[in-house]
């Protein structure tokens, strides 16, 4: 990302090397994790005629900027509404998450 922002030219071999290194690091970390998972957390539709609202925020500290994403689904799992909101002058990741909750409500 910083290379895109800085408009830096990167050789494809360098990108391949970095991706390969990340994959090796991921494999090493994955090997150290416990083999038995408690269970995957999966999205479950709401019961009856209720709607389910999912939200999250991404925070960019250097620019004090956040992007909030909200998705609303019905009991069939169909998206009935969604939005994204970009906001500036947000002081922290905690404030970004609080803002996401506020917008979702």
PDB file of N, CA and C in Angstrom:
ATOM      1  N   UNK A   1       0.816  -1.201   0.000  1.00  0.00           N
ATOM      2  CA  UNK A   1       0.000   0.000   0.000  1.00  0.00           C
ATOM      3  C   UNK A   1       0.856   1.260   0.000  1.00  0.00           C
ATOM      4  N   UNK A   2       1.906   1.283   0.827  1.00  0.00           N
ATOM      5  CA  UNK A   2       2.715   2.499   0.869  1.00  0.00           C
ATOM      6  C   UNK A   2       3.415   2.728  -0.456  1.00  0.00           C
ATOM      7  N   UNK A   3       3.723   1.654  -1.180  1.00  0.00           N
ATOM      8  CA  UNK A   3       4.368   1.828  -2.483  1.00  0.00           C
ATOM      9  C   UNK A   3       3.408   2.440  -3.490  1.00  0.00           C
ATOM     10  N   UNK A   4       2.139   2.101  -3.384  1.00  0.00           N
ATOM     11  CA  UNK A   4       1.142   2.712  -4.254  1.00  0.00           C
ATOM     12  C   UNK A   4       0.995   4.186  -3.897  1.00  0.00           C
ATOM     13  N   UNK A   5       0.902   4.490  -2.601  1.00  0.00           N
ATOM     14  CA  UNK A   5       0.759   5.879  -2.172  1.00  0.00           C
ATOM     15  C   UNK A   5       1.973   6.723  -2.550  1.00  0.00           C
ATOM     16  N   UNK A   6       3.156   6.120  -2.454  1.00  0.00           N
ATOM     17  CA  UNK A   6       4.382   6.844  -2.759  1.00  0.00           C
ATOM     18  C   UNK A   6       4.709   6.807  -4.252  1.00  0.00           C
ATOM     19  N   UNK A   7       3.886   6.090  -5.025  1.00  0.00           N
ATOM     20  CA  UNK A   7       4.081   5.972  -6.471  1.00  0.00           C
ATOM     21  C   UNK A   7       5.455   5.378  -6.781  1.00  0.00           C
ATOM     22  N   UNK A   8       5.841   4.346  -6.023  1.00  0.00           N
ATOM     23  CA  UNK A   8       7.120   3.686  -6.178  1.00  0.00           C
ATOM     24  C   UNK A   8       6.992   2.524  -7.160  1.00  0.00           C
ATOM     25  N   UNK A   9       7.970   2.373  -8.017  1.00  0.00           N
ATOM     26  CA  UNK A   9       7.982   1.244  -8.951  1.00  0.00           C
ATOM     27  C   UNK A   9       8.586   0.048  -8.226  1.00  0.00           C
ATOM     28  N   UNK A  10       7.895  -1.084  -8.299  1.00  0.00           N
ATOM     29  CA  UNK A  10       8.344  -2.295  -7.618  1.00  0.00           C
ATOM     30  C   UNK A  10       8.482  -3.400  -8.655  1.00  0.00           C
ATOM     31  N   UNK A  11       9.581  -4.107  -8.570  1.00  0.00           N
ATOM     32  CA  UNK A  11       9.819  -5.226  -9.470  1.00  0.00           C
ATOM     33  C   UNK A  11       8.931  -6.404  -9.066  1.00  0.00           C
ATOM     34  N   UNK A  12       8.435  -7.140 -10.047  1.00  0.00           N
ATOM     35  CA  UNK A  12       7.536  -8.263  -9.780  1.00  0.00           C
ATOM     36  C   UNK A  12       8.229  -9.319  -8.927  1.00  0.00           C
ATOM     37  N   UNK A  13       9.540  -9.502  -9.098  1.00  0.00           N
ATOM     38  CA  UNK A  13      10.274 -10.482  -8.291  1.00  0.00           C
ATOM     39  C   UNK A  13      10.230 -10.106  -6.808  1.00  0.00           C
ATOM     40  N   UNK A  14      10.292  -8.826  -6.519  1.00  0.00           N
ATOM     41  CA  UNK A  14      10.225  -8.376  -5.128  1.00  0.00           C
ATOM     42  C   UNK A  14       8.857  -8.680  -4.529  1.00  0.00           C
ATOM     43  N   UNK A  15       7.806  -8.457  -5.285  1.00  0.00           N
ATOM     44  CA  UNK A  15       6.453  -8.758  -4.808  1.00  0.00           C
ATOM     45  C   UNK A  15       6.303 -10.251  -4.575  1.00  0.00           C
ATOM     46  N   UNK A  16       6.784 -11.058  -5.520  1.00  0.00           N
ATOM     47  CA  UNK A  16       6.697 -12.519  -5.372  1.00  0.00           C
ATOM     48  C   UNK A  16       7.461 -12.965  -4.128  1.00  0.00           C
ATOM     49  N   UNK A  17       8.652 -12.417  -3.916  1.00  0.00           N
ATOM     50  CA  UNK A  17       9.453 -12.766  -2.741  1.00  0.00           C
ATOM     51  C   UNK A  17       8.712 -12.408  -1.447  1.00  0.00           C
ATOM     52  N   UNK A  18       8.110 -11.225  -1.402  1.00  0.00           N
ATOM     53  CA  UNK A  18       7.372 -10.806  -0.198  1.00  0.00           C
ATOM     54  C   UNK A  18       6.172 -11.702   0.066  1.00  0.00           C
ATOM     55  N   UNK A  19       5.413 -12.005  -0.980  1.00  0.00           N
ATOM     56  CA  UNK A  19       4.242 -12.879  -0.816  1.00  0.00           C
ATOM     57  C   UNK A  19       4.691 -14.246  -0.332  1.00  0.00           C
ATOM     58  N   UNK A  20       5.759 -14.775  -0.921  1.00  0.00           N
ATOM     59  CA  UNK A  20       6.280 -16.076  -0.510  1.00  0.00           C
ATOM     60  C   UNK A  20       6.707 -16.044   0.953  1.00  0.00           C
ATOM     61  N   UNK A  21       7.365 -14.967   1.369  1.00  0.00           N
ATOM     62  CA  UNK A  21       7.783 -14.835   2.769  1.00  0.00           C
ATOM     63  C   UNK A  21       6.581 -14.791   3.704  1.00  0.00           C
ATOM     64  N   UNK A  22       5.544 -14.044   3.316  1.00  0.00           N
ATOM     65  CA  UNK A  22       4.332 -13.974   4.135  1.00  0.00           C
ATOM     66  C   UNK A  22       3.676 -15.343   4.252  1.00  0.00           C
ATOM     67  N   UNK A  23       3.646 -16.096   3.155  1.00  0.00           N
ATOM     68  CA  UNK A  23       3.043 -17.430   3.195  1.00  0.00           C
ATOM     69  C   UNK A  23       3.836 -18.370   4.095  1.00  0.00           C
ATOM     70  N   UNK A  24       5.164 -18.291   4.029  1.00  0.00           N
ATOM     71  CA  UNK A  24       5.992 -19.119   4.911  1.00  0.00           C
ATOM     72  C   UNK A  24       5.771 -18.747   6.374  1.00  0.00           C
ATOM     73  N   UNK A  25       5.678 -17.454   6.632  1.00  0.00           N
ATOM     74  CA  UNK A  25       5.418 -16.988   8.003  1.00  0.00           C
ATOM     75  C   UNK A  25       4.050 -17.467   8.475  1.00  0.00           C
ATOM     76  N   UNK A  26       3.058 -17.378   7.596  1.00  0.00           N
ATOM     77  CA  UNK A  26       1.715 -17.854   7.931  1.00  0.00           C
ATOM     78  C   UNK A  26       1.739 -19.341   8.257  1.00  0.00           C
ATOM     79  N   UNK A  27       2.436 -20.139   7.431  1.00  0.00           N
ATOM     80  CA  UNK A  27       2.527 -21.578   7.685  1.00  0.00           C
ATOM     81  C   UNK A  27       3.185 -21.867   9.027  1.00  0.00           C
ATOM     82  N   UNK A  28       4.232 -21.100   9.371  1.00  0.00           N
ATOM     83  CA  UNK A  28       4.920 -21.305  10.644  1.00  0.00           C
ATOM     84  C   UNK A  28       4.001 -20.994  11.821  1.00  0.00           C
ATOM     85  N   UNK A  29       3.257 -19.907  11.723  1.00  0.00           N
ATOM     86  CA  UNK A  29       2.326 -19.542  12.799  1.00  0.00           C
ATOM     87  C   UNK A  29       1.196 -20.567  12.878  1.00  0.00           C
ATOM     88  N   UNK A  30       0.681 -20.958  11.722  1.00  0.00           N
ATOM     89  CA  UNK A  30      -0.427 -21.925  11.691  1.00  0.00           C
ATOM     90  C   UNK A  30      -0.015 -23.251  12.319  1.00  0.00           C
ATOM     91  N   UNK A  31       1.235 -23.672  12.116  1.00  0.00           N
ATOM     92  CA  UNK A  31       1.726 -24.926  12.688  1.00  0.00           C
ATOM     93  C   UNK A  31       1.763 -24.876  14.213  1.00  0.00           C
ATOM     94  N   UNK A  32       1.912 -23.679  14.785  1.00  0.00           N
ATOM     95  CA  UNK A  32       1.981 -23.537  16.237  1.00  0.00           C
ATOM     96  C   UNK A  32       0.606 -23.445  16.894  1.00  0.00           C
ATOM     97  N   UNK A  33      -0.440 -23.245  16.093  1.00  0.00           N
ATOM     98  CA  UNK A  33      -1.784 -23.126  16.646  1.00  0.00           C
ATOM     99  C   UNK A  33      -2.301 -24.487  17.087  1.00  0.00           C
ATOM    100  N   UNK A  34      -3.209 -24.512  18.064  1.00  0.00           N
ATOM    101  CA  UNK A  34      -3.800 -25.788  18.476  1.00  0.00           C
ATOM    102  C   UNK A  34      -4.540 -26.422  17.305  1.00  0.00           C
ATOM    103  N   UNK A  35      -4.493 -27.729  17.231  1.00  0.00           N
ATOM    104  CA  UNK A  35      -5.119 -28.453  16.124  1.00  0.00           C
ATOM    105  C   UNK A  35      -6.643 -28.469  16.216  1.00  0.00           C
ATOM    106  N   UNK A  36      -7.167 -28.437  17.410  1.00  0.00           N
ATOM    107  CA  UNK A  36      -8.607 -28.542  17.605  1.00  0.00           C
ATOM    108  C   UNK A  36      -9.196 -27.152  17.839  1.00  0.00           C
ATOM    109  N   UNK A  37     -10.066 -26.753  16.953  1.00  0.00           N
ATOM    110  CA  UNK A  37     -10.737 -25.480  17.109  1.00  0.00           C
ATOM    111  C   UNK A  37     -12.022 -25.667  17.887  1.00  0.00           C
ATOM    112  N   UNK A  38     -12.401 -24.689  18.630  1.00  0.00           N
ATOM    113  CA  UNK A  38     -13.646 -24.751  19.394  1.00  0.00           C
ATOM    114  C   UNK A  38     -14.832 -24.831  18.443  1.00  0.00           C
ATOM    115  N   UNK A  39     -14.726 -24.179  17.344  1.00  0.00           N
ATOM    116  CA  UNK A  39     -15.787 -24.209  16.342  1.00  0.00           C
ATOM    117  C   UNK A  39     -15.835 -22.899  15.595  1.00  0.00           C
ATOM    118  N   UNK A  40     -16.048 -22.976  14.305  1.00  0.00           N
ATOM    119  CA  UNK A  40     -16.107 -21.733  13.537  1.00  0.00           C
ATOM    120  C   UNK A  40     -17.374 -20.953  13.853  1.00  0.00           C
ATOM    121  N   UNK A  41     -17.220 -19.661  13.912  1.00  0.00           N
ATOM    122  CA  UNK A  41     -18.376 -18.804  14.159  1.00  0.00           C
ATOM    123  C   UNK A  41     -18.955 -18.432  12.804  1.00  0.00           C
ATOM    124  N   UNK A  42     -20.149 -18.865  12.545  1.00  0.00           N
ATOM    125  CA  UNK A  42     -20.780 -18.618  11.262  1.00  0.00           C
ATOM    126  C   UNK A  42     -21.961 -17.685  11.434  1.00  0.00           C
ATOM    127  N   UNK A  43     -22.216 -16.952  10.380  1.00  0.00           N
ATOM    128  CA  UNK A  43     -23.362 -16.061  10.379  1.00  0.00           C
ATOM    129  C   UNK A  43     -24.626 -16.901  10.395  1.00  0.00           C
ATOM    130  N   UNK A  44     -25.548 -16.525  11.258  1.00  0.00           N
ATOM    131  CA  UNK A  44     -26.844 -17.212  11.327  1.00  0.00           C
ATOM    132  C   UNK A  44     -27.938 -16.185  11.079  1.00  0.00           C
ATOM    133  N   UNK A  45     -28.897 -16.546  10.274  1.00  0.00           N
ATOM    134  CA  UNK A  45     -29.969 -15.582   9.999  1.00  0.00           C
ATOM    135  C   UNK A  45     -30.827 -15.362  11.235  1.00  0.00           C
ATOM    136  N   UNK A  46     -31.441 -14.188  11.329  1.00  0.00           N
ATOM    137  CA  UNK A  46     -32.341 -13.934  12.457  1.00  0.00           C
ATOM    138  C   UNK A  46     -33.619 -14.755  12.298  1.00  0.00           C
ATOM    139  N   UNK A  47     -34.307 -14.935  13.394  1.00  0.00           N
ATOM    140  CA  UNK A  47     -35.553 -15.707  13.351  1.00  0.00           C
ATOM    141  C   UNK A  47     -36.724 -14.807  12.991  1.00  0.00           C
ATOM    142  N   UNK A  48     -37.726 -15.395  12.349  1.00  0.00           N
ATOM    143  CA  UNK A  48     -38.959 -14.676  12.034  1.00  0.00           C
ATOM    144  C   UNK A  48     -38.734 -13.528  11.077  1.00  0.00           C
ATOM    145  N   UNK A  49     -39.394 -12.419  11.356  1.00  0.00           N
ATOM    146  CA  UNK A  49     -39.317 -11.262  10.460  1.00  0.00           C
ATOM    147  C   UNK A  49     -38.282 -10.233  10.924  1.00  0.00           C
ATOM    148  N   UNK A  50     -37.383 -10.639  11.800  1.00  0.00           N
ATOM    149  CA  UNK A  50     -36.348  -9.726  12.292  1.00  0.00           C
ATOM    150  C   UNK A  50     -35.274  -9.503  11.234  1.00  0.00           C
ATOM    151  N   UNK A  51     -34.528  -8.438  11.393  1.00  0.00           N
ATOM    152  CA  UNK A  51     -33.392  -8.136  10.540  1.00  0.00           C
ATOM    153  C   UNK A  51     -32.124  -8.233  11.374  1.00  0.00           C
ATOM    154  N   UNK A  52     -31.011  -8.532  10.732  1.00  0.00           N
ATOM    155  CA  UNK A  52     -29.740  -8.593  11.427  1.00  0.00           C
ATOM    156  C   UNK A  52     -28.808  -7.549  10.832  1.00  0.00           C
ATOM    157  N   UNK A  53     -28.193  -6.760  11.712  1.00  0.00           N
ATOM    158  CA  UNK A  53     -27.300  -5.685  11.293  1.00  0.00           C
ATOM    159  C   UNK A  53     -25.870  -6.057  11.675  1.00  0.00           C
ATOM    160  N   UNK A  54     -24.979  -6.086  10.691  1.00  0.00           N
ATOM    161  CA  UNK A  54     -23.554  -6.296  10.928  1.00  0.00           C
ATOM    162  C   UNK A  54     -22.818  -5.014  10.567  1.00  0.00           C
ATOM    163  N   UNK A  55     -21.824  -4.643  11.384  1.00  0.00           N
ATOM    164  CA  UNK A  55     -21.083  -3.422  11.114  1.00  0.00           C
ATOM    165  C   UNK A  55     -19.638  -3.585  11.550  1.00  0.00           C
ATOM    166  N   UNK A  56     -18.780  -2.775  10.948  1.00  0.00           N
ATOM    167  CA  UNK A  56     -17.369  -2.756  11.328  1.00  0.00           C
ATOM    168  C   UNK A  56     -16.771  -1.433  10.874  1.00  0.00           C
ATOM    169  N   UNK A  57     -15.584  -1.134  11.382  1.00  0.00           N
ATOM    170  CA  UNK A  57     -14.899   0.103  11.020  1.00  0.00           C
ATOM    171  C   UNK A  57     -13.445  -0.198  10.710  1.00  0.00           C
ATOM    172  N   UNK A  58     -12.899   0.528   9.758  1.00  0.00           N
ATOM    173  CA  UNK A  58     -11.461   0.510   9.463  1.00  0.00           C
ATOM    174  C   UNK A  58     -10.927   1.880   9.838  1.00  0.00           C
ATOM    175  N   UNK A  59      -9.789   1.891  10.530  1.00  0.00           N
ATOM    176  CA  UNK A  59      -9.236   3.145  11.026  1.00  0.00           C
ATOM    177  C   UNK A  59      -7.865   3.384  10.428  1.00  0.00           C
ATOM    178  N   UNK A  60      -7.617   4.567   9.906  1.00  0.00           N
ATOM    179  CA  UNK A  60      -6.313   4.955   9.357  1.00  0.00           C
ATOM    180  C   UNK A  60      -5.752   6.063  10.249  1.00  0.00           C
ATOM    181  N   UNK A  61      -4.873   5.674  11.166  1.00  0.00           N
ATOM    182  CA  UNK A  61      -4.365   6.588  12.190  1.00  0.00           C
ATOM    183  C   UNK A  61      -3.636   7.817  11.642  1.00  0.00           C
ATOM    184  N   UNK A  62      -2.743   7.670  10.646  1.00  0.00           N
ATOM    185  CA  UNK A  62      -2.015   8.865  10.194  1.00  0.00           C
ATOM    186  C   UNK A  62      -2.919   9.982   9.673  1.00  0.00           C
ATOM    187  N   UNK A  63      -4.053   9.609   9.096  1.00  0.00           N
ATOM    188  CA  UNK A  63      -4.963  10.626   8.558  1.00  0.00           C
ATOM    189  C   UNK A  63      -6.172  10.874   9.459  1.00  0.00           C
ATOM    190  N   UNK A  64      -6.210  10.196  10.632  1.00  0.00           N
ATOM    191  CA  UNK A  64      -7.357  10.303  11.546  1.00  0.00           C
ATOM    192  C   UNK A  64      -8.661  10.096  10.794  1.00  0.00           C
ATOM    193  N   UNK A  65      -8.692   9.047   9.981  1.00  0.00           N
ATOM    194  CA  UNK A  65      -9.837   8.789   9.116  1.00  0.00           C
ATOM    195  C   UNK A  65     -10.367   7.384   9.369  1.00  0.00           C
ATOM    196  N   UNK A  66     -11.665   7.226   9.240  1.00  0.00           N
ATOM    197  CA  UNK A  66     -12.274   5.916   9.391  1.00  0.00           C
ATOM    198  C   UNK A  66     -13.305   5.682   8.298  1.00  0.00           C
ATOM    199  N   UNK A  67     -13.500   4.418   7.994  1.00  0.00           N
ATOM    200  CA  UNK A  67     -14.560   4.016   7.069  1.00  0.00           C
ATOM    201  C   UNK A  67     -15.419   2.987   7.795  1.00  0.00           C
ATOM    202  N   UNK A  68     -16.701   3.249   7.853  1.00  0.00           N
ATOM    203  CA  UNK A  68     -17.657   2.372   8.519  1.00  0.00           C
ATOM    204  C   UNK A  68     -18.441   1.617   7.442  1.00  0.00           C
ATOM    205  N   UNK A  69     -18.611   0.327   7.643  1.00  0.00           N
ATOM    206  CA  UNK A  69     -19.431  -0.487   6.748  1.00  0.00           C
ATOM    207  C   UNK A  69     -20.569  -1.115   7.523  1.00  0.00           C
ATOM    208  N   UNK A  70     -21.766  -1.055   6.941  1.00  0.00           N
ATOM    209  CA  UNK A  70     -22.962  -1.617   7.595  1.00  0.00           C
ATOM    210  C   UNK A  70     -23.714  -2.455   6.569  1.00  0.00           C
ATOM    211  N   UNK A  71     -24.125  -3.668   6.972  1.00  0.00           N
ATOM    212  CA  UNK A  71     -24.911  -4.549   6.117  1.00  0.00           C
ATOM    213  C   UNK A  71     -26.110  -5.036   6.917  1.00  0.00           C
ATOM    214  N   UNK A  72     -27.304  -4.986   6.305  1.00  0.00           N
ATOM    215  CA  UNK A  72     -28.538  -5.453   6.951  1.00  0.00           C
ATOM    216  C   UNK A  72     -29.079  -6.619   6.141  1.00  0.00           C
ATOM    217  N   UNK A  73     -29.339  -7.744   6.818  1.00  0.00           N
ATOM    218  CA  UNK A  73     -29.854  -8.945   6.147  1.00  0.00           C
ATOM    219  C   UNK A  73     -31.159  -9.390   6.794  1.00  0.00           C
ATOM    220  N   UNK A  74     -31.992 -10.046   5.982  1.00  0.00           N
ATOM    221  CA  UNK A  74     -33.257 -10.577   6.493  1.00  0.00           C
ATOM    222  C   UNK A  74     -33.079 -12.030   6.917  1.00  0.00           C
ATOM    223  N   UNK A  75     -34.183 -12.686   7.281  1.00  0.00           N
ATOM    224  CA  UNK A  75     -34.118 -14.054   7.787  1.00  0.00           C
ATOM    225  C   UNK A  75     -33.738 -15.075   6.717  1.00  0.00           C
ATOM    226  N   UNK A  76     -33.742 -14.681   5.452  1.00  0.00           N
ATOM    227  CA  UNK A  76     -33.310 -15.565   4.369  1.00  0.00           C
ATOM    228  C   UNK A  76     -31.837 -15.364   4.027  1.00  0.00           C
ATOM    229  N   UNK A  77     -31.208 -14.384   4.671  1.00  0.00           N
ATOM    230  CA  UNK A  77     -29.817 -14.077   4.405  1.00  0.00           C
ATOM    231  C   UNK A  77     -29.633 -13.107   3.252  1.00  0.00           C
ATOM    232  N   UNK A  78     -30.728 -12.564   2.742  1.00  0.00           N
ATOM    233  CA  UNK A  78     -30.651 -11.604   1.648  1.00  0.00           C
ATOM    234  C   UNK A  78     -30.319 -10.215   2.194  1.00  0.00           C
ATOM    235  N   UNK A  79     -29.479  -9.496   1.470  1.00  0.00           N
ATOM    236  CA  UNK A  79     -29.117  -8.140   1.867  1.00  0.00           C
ATOM    237  C   UNK A  79     -30.283  -7.214   1.547  1.00  0.00           C
ATOM    238  N   UNK A  80     -30.773  -6.536   2.567  1.00  0.00           N
ATOM    239  CA  UNK A  80     -31.875  -5.587   2.366  1.00  0.00           C
ATOM    240  C   UNK A  80     -31.384  -4.139   2.451  1.00  0.00           C
ATOM    241  N   UNK A  81     -30.150  -3.951   2.885  1.00  0.00           N
ATOM    242  CA  UNK A  81     -29.598  -2.601   2.944  1.00  0.00           C
ATOM    243  C   UNK A  81     -28.129  -2.646   3.288  1.00  0.00           C
ATOM    244  N   UNK A  82     -27.405  -1.649   2.820  1.00  0.00           N
ATOM    245  CA  UNK A  82     -25.988  -1.546   3.145  1.00  0.00           C
ATOM    246  C   UNK A  82     -25.540  -0.108   2.927  1.00  0.00           C
ATOM    247  N   UNK A  83     -24.465   0.247   3.585  1.00  0.00           N
ATOM    248  CA  UNK A  83     -23.884   1.568   3.395  1.00  0.00           C
ATOM    249  C   UNK A  83     -22.443   1.558   3.865  1.00  0.00           C
ATOM    250  N   UNK A  84     -21.694   2.530   3.401  1.00  0.00           N
ATOM    251  CA  UNK A  84     -20.353   2.779   3.925  1.00  0.00           C
ATOM    252  C   UNK A  84     -20.228   4.282   4.122  1.00  0.00           C
ATOM    253  N   UNK A  85     -19.559   4.660   5.183  1.00  0.00           N
ATOM    254  CA  UNK A  85     -19.447   6.067   5.568  1.00  0.00           C
ATOM    255  C   UNK A  85     -17.984   6.369   5.888  1.00  0.00           C
ATOM    256  N   UNK A  86     -17.426   7.363   5.230  1.00  0.00           N
ATOM    257  CA  UNK A  86     -16.061   7.797   5.502  1.00  0.00           C
ATOM    258  C   UNK A  86     -16.129   9.060   6.360  1.00  0.00           C
ATOM    259  N   UNK A  87     -15.351   9.064   7.444  1.00  0.00           N
ATOM    260  CA  UNK A  87     -15.360  10.191   8.374  1.00  0.00           C
ATOM    261  C   UNK A  87     -13.921  10.585   8.704  1.00  0.00           C
ATOM    262  N   UNK A  88     -13.676  11.876   8.836  1.00  0.00           N
ATOM    263  CA  UNK A  88     -12.349  12.362   9.212  1.00  0.00           C
ATOM    264  C   UNK A  88     -12.363  12.877  10.644  1.00  0.00           C
ATOM    265  N   UNK A  89     -11.190  13.171  11.150  1.00  0.00           N
ATOM    266  CA  UNK A  89     -10.991  13.702  12.503  1.00  0.00           C
ATOM    267  C   UNK A  89     -11.461  12.727  13.582  1.00  0.00           C
ATOM    268  N   UNK A  90     -11.210  11.441  13.380  1.00  0.00           N
ATOM    269  CA  UNK A  90     -11.526  10.415  14.373  1.00  0.00           C
ATOM    270  C   UNK A  90     -10.226  10.113  15.131  1.00  0.00           C
ATOM    271  N   UNK A  91     -10.203  10.249  16.460  1.00  0.00           N
ATOM    272  CA  UNK A  91      -8.944  10.194  17.205  1.00  0.00           C
ATOM    273  C   UNK A  91      -8.347   8.812  17.452  1.00  0.00           C
ATOM    274  N   UNK A  92      -9.166   7.743  17.376  1.00  0.00           N
ATOM    275  CA  UNK A  92      -8.634   6.421  17.726  1.00  0.00           C
ATOM    276  C   UNK A  92      -9.457   5.317  17.078  1.00  0.00           C
ATOM    277  N   UNK A  93      -8.902   4.100  17.102  1.00  0.00           N
ATOM    278  CA  UNK A  93      -9.634   2.939  16.586  1.00  0.00           C
ATOM    279  C   UNK A  93     -10.874   2.673  17.435  1.00  0.00           C
ATOM    280  N   UNK A  94     -10.763   2.885  18.737  1.00  0.00           N
ATOM    281  CA  UNK A  94     -11.915   2.707  19.616  1.00  0.00           C
ATOM    282  C   UNK A  94     -13.049   3.659  19.220  1.00  0.00           C
ATOM    283  N   UNK A  95     -12.707   4.917  18.953  1.00  0.00           N
ATOM    284  CA  UNK A  95     -13.713   5.893  18.540  1.00  0.00           C
ATOM    285  C   UNK A  95     -14.316   5.500  17.198  1.00  0.00           C
ATOM    286  N   UNK A  96     -13.503   4.916  16.312  1.00  0.00           N
ATOM    287  CA  UNK A  96     -14.011   4.469  15.013  1.00  0.00           C
ATOM    288  C   UNK A  96     -15.048   3.367  15.194  1.00  0.00           C
ATOM    289  N   UNK A  97     -14.753   2.410  16.077  1.00  0.00           N
ATOM    290  CA  UNK A  97     -15.717   1.326  16.335  1.00  0.00           C
ATOM    291  C   UNK A  97     -16.988   1.864  16.991  1.00  0.00           C
ATOM    292  N   UNK A  98     -16.825   2.809  17.903  1.00  0.00           N
ATOM    293  CA  UNK A  98     -18.003   3.416  18.543  1.00  0.00           C
ATOM    294  C   UNK A  98     -18.852   4.145  17.508  1.00  0.00           C
ATOM    295  N   UNK A  99     -18.198   4.830  16.583  1.00  0.00           N
ATOM    296  CA  UNK A  99     -18.916   5.520  15.520  1.00  0.00           C
ATOM    297  C   UNK A  99     -19.656   4.532  14.632  1.00  0.00           C
ATOM    298  N   UNK A 100     -19.042   3.399  14.343  1.00  0.00           N
ATOM    299  CA  UNK A 100     -19.690   2.357  13.539  1.00  0.00           C
ATOM    300  C   UNK A 100     -20.950   1.863  14.242  1.00  0.00           C
ATOM    301  N   UNK A 101     -20.850   1.637  15.541  1.00  0.00           N
ATOM    302  CA  UNK A 101     -22.012   1.211  16.322  1.00  0.00           C
ATOM    303  C   UNK A 101     -23.105   2.260  16.285  1.00  0.00           C
ATOM    304  N   UNK A 102     -22.740   3.516  16.444  1.00  0.00           N
ATOM    305  CA  UNK A 102     -23.697   4.626  16.406  1.00  0.00           C
ATOM    306  C   UNK A 102     -24.442   4.659  15.076  1.00  0.00           C
ATOM    307  N   UNK A 103     -23.697   4.543  13.976  1.00  0.00           N
ATOM    308  CA  UNK A 103     -24.326   4.567  12.643  1.00  0.00           C
ATOM    309  C   UNK A 103     -25.217   3.351  12.427  1.00  0.00           C
ATOM    310  N   UNK A 104     -24.806   2.206  12.973  1.00  0.00           N
ATOM    311  CA  UNK A 104     -25.602   0.978  12.810  1.00  0.00           C
ATOM    312  C   UNK A 104     -26.940   1.086  13.549  1.00  0.00           C
ATOM    313  N   UNK A 105     -26.909   1.753  14.694  1.00  0.00           N
ATOM    314  CA  UNK A 105     -28.146   1.916  15.468  1.00  0.00           C
ATOM    315  C   UNK A 105     -29.030   2.918  14.775  1.00  0.00           C
TER     316      UNK A 105
END
